Structures are given as C-alpha cells and as structure tokens.
Amino acid sequence: MSAPLDRPQPPRVAPPDGTIWAARPDPTWSLTTQPRDCRHATSDGHSRRVNRCGQPATAEYEAGVQTYGYCGEHLRGRYGRWVENAQVMRWLPVPTTKDTP
C-alpha cells in the first residue's frame, strides 16, 4: 500500500452560502484491495494507440461489475481525491457551525 498523499488545497470556487469546504471520506472509493495498475490512459488524439499510466493503483472504485484503480497522482489530479488516515478523502461543502473543524 502506498503512503498517504498530501492533502490538496480546497476548491478555488467559493462554497455555497452558509458552508465551508471540509475534507470528508468518500464512500464511493476504497483503498486498493488487490494489486492492479493505474487505469488512467492518454492518447495522441489521432490514433487508437493508448498509453496507460501503469503505476501501482492506490485507490479504486466499482462501476457495475468493473473495479477501476488509480495511482495517487491520477486520483488527486483527475478526481480530486487523496488518501488520508487509510481513507479516500474529498472536499465537500458542509454547513458552517461553531464546531465545524
């Protein structure tokens, strides 16, 4: 399992009125349960040739019967998620209260 990634900055856009950005677990993602490569791929846009990332996956999500894994770089860069305290996290707007961390 890879080491936790640094927490990214919250979104640049202002959250809805009466809320703040807070880091929260994302229940749709989990840490990788079996060895798999990052699914992220790029192409030159002109051919059918696809270049896969190939780095070990850090986290994964299920879409139907398929499970897709992504490395830390693509988890953060493409999906805005990161691993913290053995959980996949994301920024969410939460109501502002005196107890909001």
C-alpha atoms as a PDB file:
ATOM      1  CA  MET A   1       0.000   0.000   0.000  1.00  0.00           C
ATOM      2  CA  SER A   2       1.367   3.394  -0.835  1.00  0.00           C
ATOM      3  CA  ALA A   3       1.990   6.168   1.654  1.00  0.00           C
ATOM      4  CA  PRO A   4      -0.713   8.805   2.234  1.00  0.00           C
ATOM      5  CA  LEU A   5      -0.633  11.720  -0.171  1.00  0.00           C
ATOM      6  CA  ASP A   6      -0.520  15.355   0.833  1.00  0.00           C
ATOM      7  CA  ARG A   7      -3.911  16.964   1.171  1.00  0.00           C
ATOM      8  CA  PRO A   8      -4.622  19.254  -1.808  1.00  0.00           C
ATOM      9  CA  GLN A   9      -5.952  22.753  -1.375  1.00  0.00           C
ATOM     10  CA  PRO A  10      -9.759  23.125  -1.262  1.00  0.00           C
ATOM     11  CA  PRO A  11     -11.501  24.137  -4.486  1.00  0.00           C
ATOM     12  CA  ARG A  12     -10.852  27.706  -5.607  1.00  0.00           C
ATOM     13  CA  VAL A  13     -14.528  28.427  -6.085  1.00  0.00           C
ATOM     14  CA  ALA A  14     -16.430  29.666  -3.067  1.00  0.00           C
ATOM     15  CA  PRO A  15     -18.621  27.059  -1.378  1.00  0.00           C
ATOM     16  CA  PRO A  16     -22.379  27.659  -1.267  1.00  0.00           C
ATOM     17  CA  ASP A  17     -23.557  30.298   1.212  1.00  0.00           C
ATOM     18  CA  GLY A  18     -23.521  29.095   4.824  1.00  0.00           C
ATOM     19  CA  THR A  19     -20.974  26.340   4.142  1.00  0.00           C
ATOM     20  CA  ILE A  20     -17.233  25.825   4.150  1.00  0.00           C
ATOM     21  CA  TRP A  21     -15.042  23.301   2.340  1.00  0.00           C
ATOM     22  CA  ALA A  22     -14.240  20.342   4.623  1.00  0.00           C
ATOM     23  CA  ALA A  23     -12.274  17.158   3.988  1.00  0.00           C
ATOM     24  CA  ARG A  24     -14.590  14.166   4.261  1.00  0.00           C
ATOM     25  CA  PRO A  25     -14.286  10.438   3.431  1.00  0.00           C
ATOM     26  CA  ASP A  26     -15.623   9.444   0.032  1.00  0.00           C
ATOM     27  CA  PRO A  27     -17.602   6.199   0.443  1.00  0.00           C
ATOM     28  CA  THR A  28     -17.614   5.537  -3.311  1.00  0.00           C
ATOM     29  CA  TRP A  29     -13.839   4.933  -3.254  1.00  0.00           C
ATOM     30  CA  SER A  30     -11.731   2.482  -1.239  1.00  0.00           C
ATOM     31  CA  LEU A  31      -8.081   1.636  -0.857  1.00  0.00           C
ATOM     32  CA  THR A  32      -6.860  -0.886  -3.389  1.00  0.00           C
ATOM     33  CA  THR A  33      -7.686  -4.424  -2.250  1.00  0.00           C
ATOM     34  CA  GLN A  34      -5.513  -6.287  -4.753  1.00  0.00           C
ATOM     35  CA  PRO A  35      -2.533  -5.393  -6.907  1.00  0.00           C
ATOM     36  CA  ARG A  36      -3.588  -3.536 -10.039  1.00  0.00           C
ATOM     37  CA  ASP A  37      -2.183  -0.841 -12.287  1.00  0.00           C
ATOM     38  CA  CYS A  38      -3.494   2.684 -12.646  1.00  0.00           C
ATOM     39  CA  ARG A  39      -6.199   2.765 -15.311  1.00  0.00           C
ATOM     40  CA  HIS A  40      -5.524   6.343 -16.434  1.00  0.00           C
ATOM     41  CA  ALA A  41      -4.684   6.491 -20.111  1.00  0.00           C
ATOM     42  CA  THR A  42      -3.776   9.108 -22.667  1.00  0.00           C
ATOM     43  CA  SER A  43      -3.720   9.085 -26.446  1.00  0.00           C
ATOM     44  CA  ASP A  44      -2.373  11.416 -29.057  1.00  0.00           C
ATOM     45  CA  GLY A  45      -5.925  12.058 -30.275  1.00  0.00           C
ATOM     46  CA  HIS A  46      -5.140  10.900 -33.803  1.00  0.00           C
ATOM     47  CA  SER A  47      -4.643   7.179 -33.474  1.00  0.00           C
ATOM     48  CA  ARG A  48      -6.088   4.336 -31.484  1.00  0.00           C
ATOM     49  CA  ARG A  49      -2.820   3.990 -29.585  1.00  0.00           C
ATOM     50  CA  VAL A  50      -3.327   4.445 -25.856  1.00  0.00           C
ATOM     51  CA  ASN A  51      -0.601   4.977 -23.282  1.00  0.00           C
ATOM     52  CA  ARG A  52      -1.539   3.620 -19.870  1.00  0.00           C
ATOM     53  CA  CYS A  53      -0.035   5.095 -16.710  1.00  0.00           C
ATOM     54  CA  GLY A  54       1.000   1.676 -15.344  1.00  0.00           C
ATOM     55  CA  GLN A  55       1.866   2.871 -11.826  1.00  0.00           C
ATOM     56  CA  PRO A  56       0.505   0.780  -8.936  1.00  0.00           C
ATOM     57  CA  ALA A  57      -3.052   1.765  -8.018  1.00  0.00           C
ATOM     58  CA  THR A  58      -3.625   3.428  -4.646  1.00  0.00           C
ATOM     59  CA  ALA A  59      -7.431   3.552  -4.625  1.00  0.00           C
ATOM     60  CA  GLU A  60     -10.286   2.045  -6.564  1.00  0.00           C
ATOM     61  CA  TYR A  61     -13.990   2.344  -7.221  1.00  0.00           C
ATOM     62  CA  GLU A  62     -16.557  -0.062  -8.578  1.00  0.00           C
ATOM     63  CA  ALA A  63     -18.624   0.777 -11.626  1.00  0.00           C
ATOM     64  CA  GLY A  64     -21.072  -2.037 -12.150  1.00  0.00           C
ATOM     65  CA  VAL A  65     -19.092  -5.258 -12.299  1.00  0.00           C
ATOM     66  CA  GLN A  66     -15.786  -3.498 -13.073  1.00  0.00           C
ATOM     67  CA  THR A  67     -13.321  -2.205 -10.483  1.00  0.00           C
ATOM     68  CA  TYR A  68     -11.050   0.627 -11.589  1.00  0.00           C
ATOM     69  CA  GLY A  69      -7.845   1.554  -9.813  1.00  0.00           C
ATOM     70  CA  TYR A  70      -5.846   4.793  -9.978  1.00  0.00           C
ATOM     71  CA  CYS A  71      -2.431   5.816  -8.709  1.00  0.00           C
ATOM     72  CA  GLY A  72      -2.126   8.675  -6.230  1.00  0.00           C
ATOM     73  CA  GLU A  73      -1.220  11.210  -8.907  1.00  0.00           C
ATOM     74  CA  HIS A  74      -4.289  10.489 -11.041  1.00  0.00           C
ATOM     75  CA  LEU A  75      -6.571  10.008  -8.035  1.00  0.00           C
ATOM     76  CA  ARG A  76      -5.712  13.540  -6.978  1.00  0.00           C
ATOM     77  CA  GLY A  77      -5.303  15.195 -10.377  1.00  0.00           C
ATOM     78  CA  ARG A  78      -8.254  13.678 -12.203  1.00  0.00           C
ATOM     79  CA  TYR A  79     -10.728  13.008  -9.402  1.00  0.00           C
ATOM     80  CA  GLY A  80      -9.717  15.478  -6.672  1.00  0.00           C
ATOM     81  CA  ARG A  81      -9.382  12.663  -4.126  1.00  0.00           C
ATOM     82  CA  TRP A  82      -6.484  11.749  -1.844  1.00  0.00           C
ATOM     83  CA  VAL A  83      -5.648   9.148   0.801  1.00  0.00           C
ATOM     84  CA  GLU A  84      -5.560  10.245   4.419  1.00  0.00           C
ATOM     85  CA  ASN A  85      -5.766   8.061   7.540  1.00  0.00           C
ATOM     86  CA  ALA A  86      -6.371   4.954   5.393  1.00  0.00           C
ATOM     87  CA  GLN A  87      -9.433   6.533   3.734  1.00  0.00           C
ATOM     88  CA  VAL A  88     -10.046   8.111   0.358  1.00  0.00           C
ATOM     89  CA  MET A  89     -10.996  11.726   1.006  1.00  0.00           C
ATOM     90  CA  ARG A  90     -12.607  14.588  -0.941  1.00  0.00           C
ATOM     91  CA  TRP A  91     -13.613  18.199  -0.333  1.00  0.00           C
ATOM     92  CA  LEU A  92     -17.302  18.736   0.415  1.00  0.00           C
ATOM     93  CA  PRO A  93     -19.268  21.833   1.392  1.00  0.00           C
ATOM     94  CA  VAL A  94     -20.540  21.415   4.969  1.00  0.00           C
ATOM     95  CA  PRO A  95     -22.748  23.772   6.974  1.00  0.00           C
ATOM     96  CA  THR A  96     -20.848  26.337   8.999  1.00  0.00           C
ATOM     97  CA  THR A  97     -21.222  25.827  12.736  1.00  0.00           C
ATOM     98  CA  LYS A  98     -19.090  26.737  15.705  1.00  0.00           C
ATOM     99  CA  ASP A  99     -17.986  23.061  15.862  1.00  0.00           C
ATOM    100  CA  THR A 100     -17.042  22.655  12.178  1.00  0.00           C
ATOM    101  CA  PRO A 101     -13.384  21.607  12.016  1.00  0.00           C
END
